[in-house]
Amino acid sequence: MHRAQGKPQPDAHGWRELEGETAKSDRKITADGKEGPGDRSGEAYPCIPASPAKMEARHSPHTTLRPQS
């Protein structure tokens, strides 16, 4: 993972504005256990849905009860 750890990297990937969010997002996603931290790309670019099912699960917490991690 090429995350800015210690040294802030330019917003080439657009992570810079998410710098404060990343830790929060990571914790939230890992707590759910449905998606790993690597899925942050989906969070950063919501205009590119990985799959309709995943987007639906994202919006419906009770739908994520199926074991797919």
PDB file of N, CA and C in Angstrom:
ATOM      1  N   MET A   1       0.840  -1.206   0.000  1.00  0.00           N
ATOM      2  CA  MET A   1       0.000   0.000   0.000  1.00  0.00           C
ATOM      3  C   MET A   1       0.868   1.246   0.000  1.00  0.00           C
ATOM      4  N   HIS A   2       0.527   2.153  -0.876  1.00  0.00           N
ATOM      5  CA  HIS A   2       1.311   3.385  -0.907  1.00  0.00           C
ATOM      6  C   HIS A   2       0.525   4.504  -0.236  1.00  0.00           C
ATOM      7  N   ARG A   3       0.384   4.370   1.091  1.00  0.00           N
ATOM      8  CA  ARG A   3      -0.293   5.386   1.870  1.00  0.00           C
ATOM      9  C   ARG A   3       0.736   6.343   2.437  1.00  0.00           C
ATOM     10  N   ALA A   4       0.347   7.575   2.601  1.00  0.00           N
ATOM     11  CA  ALA A   4       1.278   8.545   3.175  1.00  0.00           C
ATOM     12  C   ALA A   4       1.424   8.263   4.662  1.00  0.00           C
ATOM     13  N   GLN A   5       2.496   7.615   5.030  1.00  0.00           N
ATOM     14  CA  GLN A   5       2.727   7.323   6.438  1.00  0.00           C
ATOM     15  C   GLN A   5       3.935   8.119   6.910  1.00  0.00           C
ATOM     16  N   GLY A   6       3.682   9.173   7.656  1.00  0.00           N
ATOM     17  CA  GLY A   6       4.779  10.002   8.142  1.00  0.00           C
ATOM     18  C   GLY A   6       4.996  11.171   7.208  1.00  0.00           C
ATOM     19  N   LYS A   7       5.335  10.862   5.962  1.00  0.00           N
ATOM     20  CA  LYS A   7       5.565  11.936   5.003  1.00  0.00           C
ATOM     21  C   LYS A   7       4.337  12.108   4.101  1.00  0.00           C
ATOM     22  N   PRO A   8       3.711  13.285   4.156  1.00  0.00           N
ATOM     23  CA  PRO A   8       2.530  13.546   3.327  1.00  0.00           C
ATOM     24  C   PRO A   8       2.885  13.586   1.853  1.00  0.00           C
ATOM     25  N   GLN A   9       2.231  12.749   1.060  1.00  0.00           N
ATOM     26  CA  GLN A   9       2.534  12.771  -0.364  1.00  0.00           C
ATOM     27  C   GLN A   9       1.546  13.677  -1.092  1.00  0.00           C
ATOM     28  N   PRO A  10       1.934  14.190  -2.249  1.00  0.00           N
ATOM     29  CA  PRO A  10       1.076  15.097  -3.018  1.00  0.00           C
ATOM     30  C   PRO A  10      -0.246  14.432  -3.371  1.00  0.00           C
ATOM     31  N   ASP A  11      -1.271  15.240  -3.624  1.00  0.00           N
ATOM     32  CA  ASP A  11      -2.579  14.660  -3.905  1.00  0.00           C
ATOM     33  C   ASP A  11      -2.634  14.102  -5.330  1.00  0.00           C
ATOM     34  N   ALA A  12      -1.634  13.254  -5.652  1.00  0.00           N
ATOM     35  CA  ALA A  12      -1.597  12.626  -6.967  1.00  0.00           C
ATOM     36  C   ALA A  12      -2.703  11.587  -7.047  1.00  0.00           C
ATOM     37  N   HIS A  13      -2.950  10.921  -5.926  1.00  0.00           N
ATOM     38  CA  HIS A  13      -3.997   9.908  -5.893  1.00  0.00           C
ATOM     39  C   HIS A  13      -5.266  10.471  -5.268  1.00  0.00           C
ATOM     40  N   GLY A  14      -5.163  11.712  -4.789  1.00  0.00           N
ATOM     41  CA  GLY A  14      -6.325  12.312  -4.154  1.00  0.00           C
ATOM     42  C   GLY A  14      -6.478  11.844  -2.716  1.00  0.00           C
ATOM     43  N   TRP A  15      -5.419  11.181  -2.196  1.00  0.00           N
ATOM     44  CA  TRP A  15      -5.497  10.682  -0.826  1.00  0.00           C
ATOM     45  C   TRP A  15      -5.313  11.819   0.174  1.00  0.00           C
ATOM     46  N   ARG A  16      -4.611  12.870  -0.270  1.00  0.00           N
ATOM     47  CA  ARG A  16      -4.209  13.902   0.665  1.00  0.00           C
ATOM     48  C   ARG A  16      -5.411  14.476   1.417  1.00  0.00           C
ATOM     49  N   GLU A  17      -6.510  14.716   0.706  1.00  0.00           N
ATOM     50  CA  GLU A  17      -7.675  15.268   1.377  1.00  0.00           C
ATOM     51  C   GLU A  17      -8.331  14.217   2.277  1.00  0.00           C
ATOM     52  N   LEU A  18      -8.048  12.944   1.985  1.00  0.00           N
ATOM     53  CA  LEU A  18      -8.631  11.863   2.777  1.00  0.00           C
ATOM     54  C   LEU A  18      -7.732  11.472   3.942  1.00  0.00           C
ATOM     55  N   GLU A  19      -6.553  12.119   4.026  1.00  0.00           N
ATOM     56  CA  GLU A  19      -5.575  11.727   5.030  1.00  0.00           C
ATOM     57  C   GLU A  19      -6.208  11.560   6.412  1.00  0.00           C
ATOM     58  N   GLY A  20      -7.017  12.527   6.810  1.00  0.00           N
ATOM     59  CA  GLY A  20      -7.660  12.440   8.116  1.00  0.00           C
ATOM     60  C   GLY A  20      -8.745  11.378   8.132  1.00  0.00           C
ATOM     61  N   GLU A  21      -9.332  11.119   6.982  1.00  0.00           N
ATOM     62  CA  GLU A  21     -10.439  10.172   6.901  1.00  0.00           C
ATOM     63  C   GLU A  21      -9.957   8.727   6.888  1.00  0.00           C
ATOM     64  N   THR A  22      -8.796   8.498   6.260  1.00  0.00           N
ATOM     65  CA  THR A  22      -8.333   7.120   6.051  1.00  0.00           C
ATOM     66  C   THR A  22      -8.406   6.288   7.324  1.00  0.00           C
ATOM     67  N   ALA A  23      -7.871   6.800   8.411  1.00  0.00           N
ATOM     68  CA  ALA A  23      -7.874   6.037   9.655  1.00  0.00           C
ATOM     69  C   ALA A  23      -9.308   5.734  10.076  1.00  0.00           C
ATOM     70  N   LYS A  24     -10.171   6.743   9.949  1.00  0.00           N
ATOM     71  CA  LYS A  24     -11.570   6.559  10.317  1.00  0.00           C
ATOM     72  C   LYS A  24     -12.216   5.508   9.424  1.00  0.00           C
ATOM     73  N   SER A  25     -12.009   5.650   8.121  1.00  0.00           N
ATOM     74  CA  SER A  25     -12.602   4.720   7.162  1.00  0.00           C
ATOM     75  C   SER A  25     -12.092   3.305   7.407  1.00  0.00           C
ATOM     76  N   ASP A  26     -10.775   3.191   7.611  1.00  0.00           N
ATOM     77  CA  ASP A  26     -10.185   1.876   7.857  1.00  0.00           C
ATOM     78  C   ASP A  26     -10.872   1.198   9.035  1.00  0.00           C
ATOM     79  N   ARG A  27     -10.989   1.956  10.125  1.00  0.00           N
ATOM     80  CA  ARG A  27     -11.565   1.390  11.333  1.00  0.00           C
ATOM     81  C   ARG A  27     -13.000   0.951  11.067  1.00  0.00           C
ATOM     82  N   LYS A  28     -13.749   1.820  10.381  1.00  0.00           N
ATOM     83  CA  LYS A  28     -15.152   1.529  10.112  1.00  0.00           C
ATOM     84  C   LYS A  28     -15.292   0.268   9.269  1.00  0.00           C
ATOM     85  N   ILE A  29     -14.520   0.189   8.188  1.00  0.00           N
ATOM     86  CA  ILE A  29     -14.622  -0.937   7.260  1.00  0.00           C
ATOM     87  C   ILE A  29     -14.180  -2.235   7.923  1.00  0.00           C
ATOM     88  N   THR A  30     -13.043  -2.189   8.608  1.00  0.00           N
ATOM     89  CA  THR A  30     -12.532  -3.403   9.241  1.00  0.00           C
ATOM     90  C   THR A  30     -13.478  -3.845  10.348  1.00  0.00           C
ATOM     91  N   ALA A  31     -14.113  -2.887  11.011  1.00  0.00           N
ATOM     92  CA  ALA A  31     -15.058  -3.223  12.069  1.00  0.00           C
ATOM     93  C   ALA A  31     -16.227  -3.998  11.472  1.00  0.00           C
ATOM     94  N   ASP A  32     -16.667  -3.581  10.302  1.00  0.00           N
ATOM     95  CA  ASP A  32     -17.747  -4.291   9.614  1.00  0.00           C
ATOM     96  C   ASP A  32     -17.269  -5.675   9.195  1.00  0.00           C
ATOM     97  N   GLY A  33     -16.014  -5.731   8.740  1.00  0.00           N
ATOM     98  CA  GLY A  33     -15.450  -7.009   8.348  1.00  0.00           C
ATOM     99  C   GLY A  33     -15.914  -7.453   6.974  1.00  0.00           C
ATOM    100  N   LYS A  34     -16.709  -6.614   6.298  1.00  0.00           N
ATOM    101  CA  LYS A  34     -17.191  -7.029   4.975  1.00  0.00           C
ATOM    102  C   LYS A  34     -16.194  -6.654   3.894  1.00  0.00           C
ATOM    103  N   GLU A  35     -15.390  -5.616   4.144  1.00  0.00           N
ATOM    104  CA  GLU A  35     -14.418  -5.200   3.138  1.00  0.00           C
ATOM    105  C   GLU A  35     -13.123  -4.774   3.805  1.00  0.00           C
ATOM    106  N   GLY A  36     -12.014  -5.104   3.170  1.00  0.00           N
ATOM    107  CA  GLY A  36     -10.713  -4.749   3.721  1.00  0.00           C
ATOM    108  C   GLY A  36     -10.381  -3.295   3.433  1.00  0.00           C
ATOM    109  N   PRO A  37      -9.319  -2.782   4.062  1.00  0.00           N
ATOM    110  CA  PRO A  37      -8.875  -1.404   3.864  1.00  0.00           C
ATOM    111  C   PRO A  37      -8.587  -1.112   2.396  1.00  0.00           C
ATOM    112  N   GLY A  38      -8.271  -2.140   1.627  1.00  0.00           N
ATOM    113  CA  GLY A  38      -7.949  -1.946   0.216  1.00  0.00           C
ATOM    114  C   GLY A  38      -9.147  -1.442  -0.565  1.00  0.00           C
ATOM    115  N   ASP A  39     -10.329  -1.614  -0.028  1.00  0.00           N
ATOM    116  CA  ASP A  39     -11.544  -1.178  -0.720  1.00  0.00           C
ATOM    117  C   ASP A  39     -11.733   0.327  -0.600  1.00  0.00           C
ATOM    118  N   ARG A  40     -10.746   1.004   0.011  1.00  0.00           N
ATOM    119  CA  ARG A  40     -10.851   2.443   0.177  1.00  0.00           C
ATOM    120  C   ARG A  40     -11.037   3.123  -1.175  1.00  0.00           C
ATOM    121  N   SER A  41     -10.530   2.497  -2.237  1.00  0.00           N
ATOM    122  CA  SER A  41     -10.666   3.087  -3.563  1.00  0.00           C
ATOM    123  C   SER A  41     -12.143   3.281  -3.891  1.00  0.00           C
ATOM    124  N   GLY A  42     -12.958   2.351  -3.468  1.00  0.00           N
ATOM    125  CA  GLY A  42     -14.392   2.462  -3.711  1.00  0.00           C
ATOM    126  C   GLY A  42     -14.964   3.644  -2.954  1.00  0.00           C
ATOM    127  N   GLU A  43     -14.416   3.889  -1.751  1.00  0.00           N
ATOM    128  CA  GLU A  43     -14.893   5.004  -0.953  1.00  0.00           C
ATOM    129  C   GLU A  43     -14.432   6.326  -1.559  1.00  0.00           C
ATOM    130  N   ALA A  44     -13.211   6.319  -2.073  1.00  0.00           N
ATOM    131  CA  ALA A  44     -12.649   7.539  -2.629  1.00  0.00           C
ATOM    132  C   ALA A  44     -13.327   7.898  -3.943  1.00  0.00           C
ATOM    133  N   TYR A  45     -13.673   6.863  -4.719  1.00  0.00           N
ATOM    134  CA  TYR A  45     -14.309   7.116  -6.003  1.00  0.00           C
ATOM    135  C   TYR A  45     -15.657   6.408  -6.073  1.00  0.00           C
ATOM    136  N   PRO A  46     -16.676   6.997  -5.406  1.00  0.00           N
ATOM    137  CA  PRO A  46     -17.999   6.376  -5.377  1.00  0.00           C
ATOM    138  C   PRO A  46     -18.662   6.340  -6.755  1.00  0.00           C
ATOM    139  N   CYS A  47     -18.112   7.093  -7.708  1.00  0.00           N
ATOM    140  CA  CYS A  47     -18.705   7.132  -9.039  1.00  0.00           C
ATOM    141  C   CYS A  47     -18.336   5.871  -9.814  1.00  0.00           C
ATOM    142  N   ILE A  48     -17.437   5.045  -9.228  1.00  0.00           N
ATOM    143  CA  ILE A  48     -17.069   3.801  -9.905  1.00  0.00           C
ATOM    144  C   ILE A  48     -17.456   2.626  -9.008  1.00  0.00           C
ATOM    145  N   PRO A  49     -18.734   2.246  -9.020  1.00  0.00           N
ATOM    146  CA  PRO A  49     -19.199   1.147  -8.172  1.00  0.00           C
ATOM    147  C   PRO A  49     -18.601  -0.183  -8.602  1.00  0.00           C
ATOM    148  N   ALA A  50     -18.081  -0.940  -7.633  1.00  0.00           N
ATOM    149  CA  ALA A  50     -17.475  -2.230  -7.947  1.00  0.00           C
ATOM    150  C   ALA A  50     -18.554  -3.187  -8.446  1.00  0.00           C
ATOM    151  N   SER A  51     -19.681  -3.215  -7.743  1.00  0.00           N
ATOM    152  CA  SER A  51     -20.798  -4.059  -8.158  1.00  0.00           C
ATOM    153  C   SER A  51     -22.066  -3.560  -7.465  1.00  0.00           C
ATOM    154  N   PRO A  52     -23.189  -3.630  -8.147  1.00  0.00           N
ATOM    155  CA  PRO A  52     -24.461  -3.152  -7.578  1.00  0.00           C
ATOM    156  C   PRO A  52     -24.745  -3.807  -6.230  1.00  0.00           C
ATOM    157  N   ALA A  53     -24.436  -5.092  -6.125  1.00  0.00           N
ATOM    158  CA  ALA A  53     -24.688  -5.807  -4.878  1.00  0.00           C
ATOM    159  C   ALA A  53     -23.892  -5.188  -3.735  1.00  0.00           C
ATOM    160  N   LYS A  54     -22.631  -4.864  -4.024  1.00  0.00           N
ATOM    161  CA  LYS A  54     -21.775  -4.299  -2.990  1.00  0.00           C
ATOM    162  C   LYS A  54     -22.306  -2.930  -2.570  1.00  0.00           C
ATOM    163  N   MET A  55     -22.710  -2.135  -3.549  1.00  0.00           N
ATOM    164  CA  MET A  55     -23.235  -0.814  -3.240  1.00  0.00           C
ATOM    165  C   MET A  55     -24.501  -0.947  -2.393  1.00  0.00           C
ATOM    166  N   GLU A  56     -25.331  -1.924  -2.731  1.00  0.00           N
ATOM    167  CA  GLU A  56     -26.560  -2.134  -1.974  1.00  0.00           C
ATOM    168  C   GLU A  56     -26.226  -2.519  -0.535  1.00  0.00           C
ATOM    169  N   ALA A  57     -25.276  -3.426  -0.388  1.00  0.00           N
ATOM    170  CA  ALA A  57     -24.870  -3.873   0.937  1.00  0.00           C
ATOM    171  C   ALA A  57     -24.336  -2.697   1.744  1.00  0.00           C
ATOM    172  N   ARG A  58     -23.618  -1.807   1.066  1.00  0.00           N
ATOM    173  CA  ARG A  58     -23.046  -0.640   1.707  1.00  0.00           C
ATOM    174  C   ARG A  58     -24.145   0.216   2.336  1.00  0.00           C
ATOM    175  N   HIS A  59     -25.251   0.355   1.628  1.00  0.00           N
ATOM    176  CA  HIS A  59     -26.327   1.227   2.096  1.00  0.00           C
ATOM    177  C   HIS A  59     -27.276   0.492   3.047  1.00  0.00           C
ATOM    178  N   SER A  60     -27.280  -0.836   2.972  1.00  0.00           N
ATOM    179  CA  SER A  60     -28.144  -1.611   3.856  1.00  0.00           C
ATOM    180  C   SER A  60     -27.289  -2.481   4.781  1.00  0.00           C
ATOM    181  N   PRO A  61     -27.029  -2.006   5.997  1.00  0.00           N
ATOM    182  CA  PRO A  61     -26.180  -2.728   6.942  1.00  0.00           C
ATOM    183  C   PRO A  61     -26.730  -4.122   7.257  1.00  0.00           C
ATOM    184  N   HIS A  62     -28.035  -4.268   7.262  1.00  0.00           N
ATOM    185  CA  HIS A  62     -28.612  -5.563   7.604  1.00  0.00           C
ATOM    186  C   HIS A  62     -28.459  -6.564   6.466  1.00  0.00           C
ATOM    187  N   THR A  63     -28.070  -6.069   5.301  1.00  0.00           N
ATOM    188  CA  THR A  63     -27.893  -6.956   4.152  1.00  0.00           C
ATOM    189  C   THR A  63     -26.499  -7.590   4.171  1.00  0.00           C
ATOM    190  N   THR A  64     -25.594  -7.006   4.963  1.00  0.00           N
ATOM    191  CA  THR A  64     -24.205  -7.471   4.957  1.00  0.00           C
ATOM    192  C   THR A  64     -23.998  -8.640   5.917  1.00  0.00           C
ATOM    193  N   LEU A  65     -25.080  -9.261   6.360  1.00  0.00           N
ATOM    194  CA  LEU A  65     -24.955 -10.360   7.307  1.00  0.00           C
ATOM    195  C   LEU A  65     -24.453 -11.624   6.628  1.00  0.00           C
ATOM    196  N   ARG A  66     -24.444 -11.641   5.305  1.00  0.00           N
ATOM    197  CA  ARG A  66     -23.960 -12.823   4.592  1.00  0.00           C
ATOM    198  C   ARG A  66     -22.433 -12.873   4.679  1.00  0.00           C
ATOM    199  N   PRO A  67     -21.853 -14.039   4.961  1.00  0.00           N
ATOM    200  CA  PRO A  67     -20.391 -14.180   5.099  1.00  0.00           C
ATOM    201  C   PRO A  67     -19.689 -14.110   3.747  1.00  0.00           C
ATOM    202  N   GLN A  68     -19.132 -12.957   3.433  1.00  0.00           N
ATOM    203  CA  GLN A  68     -18.434 -12.820   2.155  1.00  0.00           C
ATOM    204  C   GLN A  68     -17.064 -12.181   2.336  1.00  0.00           C
ATOM    205  N   SER A  69     -16.527 -12.290   3.563  1.00  0.00           N
ATOM    206  CA  SER A  69     -15.209 -11.729   3.804  1.00  0.00           C
ATOM    207  C   SER A  69     -14.215 -12.806   3.772  1.00  0.00           C
TER     208      SER A  69
END
